Amino acid sequence: MTVPRALPAPHASSLDLGGRTALVTGAAGGIGRACAVRLAAAGAEVRAVDRDATGLEALAEAARDLAGTVEPHVLDLTDLDAAELAAAGTDVLVNNAGLQLVRPIEEFPPDVFHTVLTVMLEAPFRLIRGALPHMYGQGWGRIVNVSSVHGLRASAYKSAYVAAKHGLEGLSKTTALEGAPHGVTSNCVNPGYVRTPLVEKQIADQARAHCIPEERVLSEVLLQDSAVKRLIEPEEVAEAVAYLCGPQASFVTGTSLVLDGGWTAH
């Protein structure tokens, strides 16, 4: 009987992105910042994209001693032409930027719905469109779309966010099918509630929407259906992103890596 060869256990130094260029959107804080730091630690030259110039400068300063580099790139992703141009020449693309508003549909501002779909669905399409020619030309590329459990399930009062994330899942799968013959993988990472400013801001909105005190939102709304009763940390999401960029994941494409503490197991 042939004994299957075990893969080496993953660890922080197992990913080598030396000589690679990575672009991370929403990089000034939260998941995006953690991803930028993780990929720079692996040796990548990271284009850190965000509209928050101060946050990007703080990120670049914090990353000075890493193996790679972090280059701040101030950009509002509603400028779709600029977004597509920014992605040219990238080897790794992490579509992470997002925003959230919690409101019933009948009270949801149409302009905000439009902005959410622009930033979280149309901009990723344009970034992918800008990145693919270089990836195809070299026969290698990694696209990781930071989705959410809300890309797989819906919650009330989050019509724009849920619509955008569901659309991102479909875009990611289509990219995987088209990119496979060219050595390009495309996947989603689907965290539950992450300890980020985006989630912290939701607590007040959720309290209003559900008519409960803010201190009850975490246990009764955000984590009610989670088997693991805590928020996931941005660095945990960044490790999942790193895994999808590594050699161990070369056969993983067109799928969603769920990090939800059992939220979708119901």
Protein backbone atom coordinates (compact mmCIF):
# COMPACT_ATOMS: atom_id res chain seq x y z
CA MET A 1 0.00 0.00 0.00
CA THR A 2 1.30 3.44 -0.93
CA VAL A 3 1.23 5.90 1.96
CA PRO A 4 0.10 9.36 0.81
CA ARG A 5 2.78 12.01 1.26
CA ALA A 6 1.74 14.64 3.79
CA LEU A 7 1.98 18.26 2.84
CA PRO A 8 4.19 20.38 5.10
CA ALA A 9 2.32 22.16 7.84
CA PRO A 10 1.56 25.75 6.82
CA HIS A 11 3.44 28.46 8.68
CA ALA A 12 4.17 32.14 8.31
CA SER A 13 7.31 31.65 6.21
CA SER A 14 5.81 29.05 3.82
CA LEU A 15 4.55 31.71 1.40
CA ASP A 16 7.20 33.29 -0.80
CA LEU A 17 5.97 36.17 -2.95
CA GLY A 18 9.37 37.65 -3.63
CA GLY A 19 9.33 39.40 -7.00
CA ARG A 20 5.53 39.48 -7.07
CA THR A 21 3.34 42.57 -7.02
CA ALA A 22 0.14 42.45 -4.99
CA LEU A 23 -2.70 44.96 -4.94
CA VAL A 24 -4.96 45.14 -1.89
CA THR A 25 -8.00 47.41 -1.78
CA GLY A 26 -9.37 48.87 1.42
CA ALA A 27 -5.83 48.54 2.78
CA ALA A 28 -5.83 51.39 5.31
CA GLY A 29 -7.49 49.33 8.04
CA GLY A 30 -9.14 46.11 9.12
CA ILE A 31 -8.87 43.08 6.86
CA GLY A 32 -7.17 45.02 4.08
CA ARG A 33 -4.40 46.26 6.35
CA ALA A 34 -3.84 42.74 7.70
CA CYS A 35 -3.67 41.35 4.14
CA ALA A 36 -1.22 44.03 3.03
CA VAL A 37 1.05 43.30 5.98
CA ARG A 38 0.84 39.52 5.46
CA LEU A 39 1.66 39.70 1.75
CA ALA A 40 4.50 42.15 2.35
CA ALA A 41 5.87 39.81 5.02
CA ALA A 42 5.94 37.14 2.29
CA GLY A 43 8.11 39.41 0.15
CA ALA A 44 5.54 41.00 -2.15
CA GLU A 45 5.59 44.56 -3.35
CA VAL A 46 2.16 45.63 -2.17
CA ARG A 47 0.11 48.38 -3.76
CA ALA A 48 -2.04 49.45 -0.84
CA VAL A 49 -5.19 51.07 -2.23
CA ASP A 50 -7.57 53.16 -0.15
CA ARG A 51 -9.07 56.63 -0.09
CA ASP A 52 -7.71 57.14 3.45
CA ALA A 53 -4.29 58.73 2.87
CA THR A 54 -3.47 58.97 6.57
CA GLY A 55 -4.27 55.32 7.18
CA LEU A 56 -2.14 54.28 4.20
CA GLU A 57 0.85 56.26 5.44
CA ALA A 58 0.53 54.63 8.86
CA LEU A 59 0.42 51.22 7.17
CA ALA A 60 3.52 51.94 5.08
CA GLU A 61 5.39 53.08 8.18
CA ALA A 62 4.38 49.97 10.12
CA ALA A 63 5.53 47.75 7.23
CA ARG A 64 9.01 49.23 6.83
CA ASP A 65 10.82 46.26 8.37
CA LEU A 66 8.99 43.57 6.39
CA ALA A 67 10.57 41.50 3.63
CA GLY A 68 8.50 43.24 0.96
CA THR A 69 7.32 46.79 0.54
CA VAL A 70 4.05 48.65 0.89
CA GLU A 71 3.37 51.47 -1.56
CA PRO A 72 0.42 53.72 -0.60
CA HIS A 73 -1.95 54.39 -3.48
CA VAL A 74 -4.71 56.85 -2.63
CA LEU A 75 -7.74 56.02 -4.76
CA ASP A 76 -11.50 56.29 -4.51
CA LEU A 77 -12.82 53.10 -6.12
CA THR A 78 -15.87 54.89 -7.48
CA ASP A 79 -13.38 56.17 -10.08
CA LEU A 80 -13.65 52.97 -12.06
CA ASP A 81 -11.27 53.90 -14.87
CA ALA A 82 -8.56 54.72 -12.34
CA ALA A 83 -9.22 51.46 -10.53
CA GLU A 84 -8.70 49.44 -13.70
CA LEU A 85 -5.46 51.27 -14.47
CA ALA A 86 -4.18 50.73 -10.93
CA ALA A 87 -4.46 46.95 -11.32
CA ALA A 88 -2.25 46.73 -14.41
CA GLY A 89 0.84 44.60 -13.85
CA THR A 90 -0.30 42.96 -10.64
CA ASP A 91 0.35 39.29 -9.88
CA VAL A 92 -1.92 39.04 -6.83
CA LEU A 93 -5.19 40.95 -6.50
CA VAL A 94 -7.10 41.12 -3.23
CA ASN A 95 -10.51 42.76 -3.62
CA ASN A 96 -11.36 43.76 -0.07
CA ALA A 97 -12.78 47.28 0.07
CA GLY A 98 -16.32 47.54 1.35
CA LEU A 99 -18.90 49.63 3.12
CA GLN A 100 -22.09 48.88 4.97
CA LEU A 101 -25.39 50.52 5.84
CA VAL A 102 -28.09 48.74 7.84
CA ARG A 103 -31.59 49.90 6.89
CA PRO A 104 -34.91 48.33 5.87
CA ILE A 105 -35.32 48.26 2.09
CA GLU A 106 -38.08 50.86 2.10
CA GLU A 107 -35.77 53.24 3.98
CA PHE A 108 -32.54 52.38 2.15
CA PRO A 109 -31.17 55.43 0.25
CA PRO A 110 -30.90 54.59 -3.46
CA ASP A 111 -27.69 56.59 -3.80
CA VAL A 112 -26.03 54.53 -1.06
CA PHE A 113 -27.23 51.29 -2.70
CA HIS A 114 -25.60 52.46 -5.93
CA THR A 115 -22.34 53.36 -4.18
CA VAL A 116 -22.15 50.01 -2.37
CA LEU A 117 -22.63 48.10 -5.63
CA THR A 118 -20.06 50.32 -7.37
CA VAL A 119 -17.35 49.87 -4.74
CA MET A 120 -18.00 46.24 -3.88
CA LEU A 121 -18.94 44.70 -7.25
CA GLU A 122 -18.25 46.95 -10.21
CA ALA A 123 -14.84 48.07 -8.94
CA PRO A 124 -13.68 44.45 -8.39
CA PHE A 125 -14.77 43.69 -11.96
CA ARG A 126 -12.71 46.60 -13.26
CA LEU A 127 -9.72 45.68 -11.10
CA ILE A 128 -9.85 42.08 -12.33
CA ARG A 129 -10.20 43.34 -15.88
CA GLY A 130 -7.10 45.47 -15.41
CA ALA A 131 -5.05 42.70 -13.80
CA LEU A 132 -5.82 39.75 -16.08
CA PRO A 133 -3.75 40.70 -19.18
CA HIS A 134 -0.52 40.64 -17.15
CA MET A 135 -1.52 37.48 -15.30
CA TYR A 136 -2.46 35.73 -18.54
CA GLY A 137 0.77 36.87 -20.19
CA GLN A 138 2.95 35.25 -17.52
CA GLY A 139 0.75 32.19 -16.98
CA TRP A 140 0.23 32.82 -13.26
CA GLY A 141 -2.05 34.93 -11.09
CA ARG A 142 -3.97 34.88 -7.85
CA ILE A 143 -7.27 36.70 -7.32
CA VAL A 144 -8.80 36.63 -3.86
CA ASN A 145 -12.13 38.32 -3.30
CA VAL A 146 -12.92 39.08 0.32
CA SER A 147 -16.58 38.15 0.39
CA SER A 148 -18.56 37.32 3.51
CA VAL A 149 -21.00 34.83 4.92
CA HIS A 150 -23.43 37.33 3.39
CA GLY A 151 -22.18 36.22 0.00
CA LEU A 152 -23.75 32.84 0.83
CA ARG A 153 -26.67 33.79 3.09
CA ALA A 154 -28.85 36.85 3.54
CA SER A 155 -29.66 38.94 6.59
CA ALA A 156 -32.43 41.46 6.95
CA TYR A 157 -31.67 45.18 6.55
CA LYS A 158 -28.51 44.62 4.46
CA SER A 159 -29.91 44.66 0.94
CA ALA A 160 -26.99 46.44 -0.74
CA TYR A 161 -24.24 44.54 1.06
CA VAL A 162 -25.87 41.14 0.48
CA ALA A 163 -26.55 41.93 -3.17
CA ALA A 164 -22.95 43.05 -3.72
CA LYS A 165 -21.42 40.04 -1.99
CA HIS A 166 -23.66 37.58 -3.85
CA GLY A 167 -22.62 39.26 -7.09
CA LEU A 168 -18.95 39.07 -6.09
CA GLU A 169 -19.30 35.31 -5.61
CA GLY A 170 -20.57 34.93 -9.18
CA LEU A 171 -17.87 37.21 -10.57
CA SER A 172 -15.21 35.20 -8.75
CA LYS A 173 -16.48 31.89 -10.14
CA THR A 174 -16.65 33.24 -13.69
CA THR A 175 -13.10 34.57 -13.35
CA ALA A 176 -11.98 31.13 -12.15
CA LEU A 177 -13.45 29.40 -15.20
CA GLU A 178 -11.90 31.86 -17.61
CA GLY A 179 -8.58 32.08 -15.81
CA ALA A 180 -7.85 28.38 -15.28
CA PRO A 181 -6.30 27.76 -18.73
CA HIS A 182 -3.94 30.69 -18.03
CA GLY A 183 -2.74 29.62 -14.59
CA VAL A 184 -4.93 32.11 -12.75
CA THR A 185 -7.00 31.11 -9.74
CA SER A 186 -9.93 33.08 -8.34
CA ASN A 187 -11.55 32.42 -4.99
CA CYS A 188 -13.57 34.05 -2.26
CA VAL A 189 -12.78 34.21 1.42
CA ASN A 190 -15.96 34.35 3.47
CA PRO A 191 -15.50 35.51 7.05
CA GLY A 192 -18.23 35.95 9.58
CA TYR A 193 -18.15 39.06 11.72
CA VAL A 194 -14.60 40.43 11.88
CA ARG A 195 -13.21 42.78 14.50
CA THR A 196 -13.02 45.81 12.21
CA PRO A 197 -14.29 49.41 12.26
CA LEU A 198 -16.93 48.35 9.71
CA VAL A 199 -18.43 45.86 12.15
CA GLU A 200 -18.07 48.18 15.13
CA LYS A 201 -20.02 50.83 13.22
CA GLN A 202 -22.74 48.27 12.49
CA ILE A 203 -23.54 47.81 16.16
CA ALA A 204 -25.28 51.18 16.47
CA ASP A 205 -27.13 50.66 13.17
CA GLN A 206 -28.24 47.18 14.19
CA ALA A 207 -29.43 48.47 17.56
CA ARG A 208 -31.67 50.98 15.80
CA ALA A 209 -32.91 48.48 13.21
CA HIS A 210 -33.76 45.82 15.79
CA CYS A 211 -34.86 48.27 18.52
CA ILE A 212 -32.52 46.80 21.13
CA PRO A 213 -29.68 48.31 23.20
CA GLU A 214 -26.23 48.29 21.61
CA GLU A 215 -24.80 45.99 24.29
CA ARG A 216 -27.20 43.24 23.17
CA VAL A 217 -26.34 43.46 19.46
CA LEU A 218 -23.17 41.36 19.61
CA SER A 219 -24.72 38.37 21.41
CA GLU A 220 -28.30 38.54 20.08
CA VAL A 221 -27.72 39.62 16.47
CA LEU A 222 -24.16 39.35 15.21
CA LEU A 223 -23.13 36.15 16.99
CA GLN A 224 -26.53 34.58 17.59
CA ASP A 225 -26.06 31.93 14.88
CA SER A 226 -22.31 31.48 15.34
CA ALA A 227 -21.15 28.34 17.13
CA VAL A 228 -17.91 30.10 18.08
CA LYS A 229 -18.97 33.08 20.16
CA ARG A 230 -16.34 35.62 19.21
CA LEU A 231 -15.40 37.94 16.40
CA ILE A 232 -12.78 36.69 13.98
CA GLU A 233 -9.57 38.73 13.87
CA PRO A 234 -8.37 40.43 10.65
CA GLU A 235 -5.09 38.51 10.84
CA GLU A 236 -6.98 35.22 10.67
CA VAL A 237 -8.64 36.32 7.43
CA ALA A 238 -5.26 37.43 6.07
CA GLU A 239 -3.85 33.94 6.66
CA ALA A 240 -6.68 32.46 4.58
CA VAL A 241 -5.87 34.94 1.81
CA ALA A 242 -2.19 34.00 2.05
CA TYR A 243 -3.04 30.29 1.79
CA LEU A 244 -4.93 30.89 -1.47
CA CYS A 245 -1.86 32.64 -2.89
CA GLY A 246 0.49 29.80 -2.01
CA PRO A 247 1.57 26.65 -3.87
CA GLN A 248 -0.60 24.42 -1.65
CA ALA A 249 -3.70 26.05 -3.16
CA SER A 250 -2.81 25.78 -6.85
CA PHE A 251 -5.77 23.41 -7.41
CA VAL A 252 -8.21 25.56 -5.42
CA THR A 253 -10.25 27.83 -7.67
CA GLY A 254 -13.84 28.89 -8.18
CA THR A 255 -14.76 28.24 -4.58
CA SER A 256 -15.40 29.99 -1.26
CA LEU A 257 -13.30 29.49 1.87
CA VAL A 258 -15.70 30.03 4.77
CA LEU A 259 -14.39 31.34 8.11
CA ASP A 260 -17.61 31.86 10.00
CA GLY A 261 -17.38 29.97 13.28
CA GLY A 262 -20.20 27.70 12.17
CA TRP A 263 -22.58 30.52 11.19
CA THR A 264 -23.62 28.77 7.94
CA ALA A 265 -23.76 25.29 9.48
CA HIS A 266 -27.42 25.79 10.47
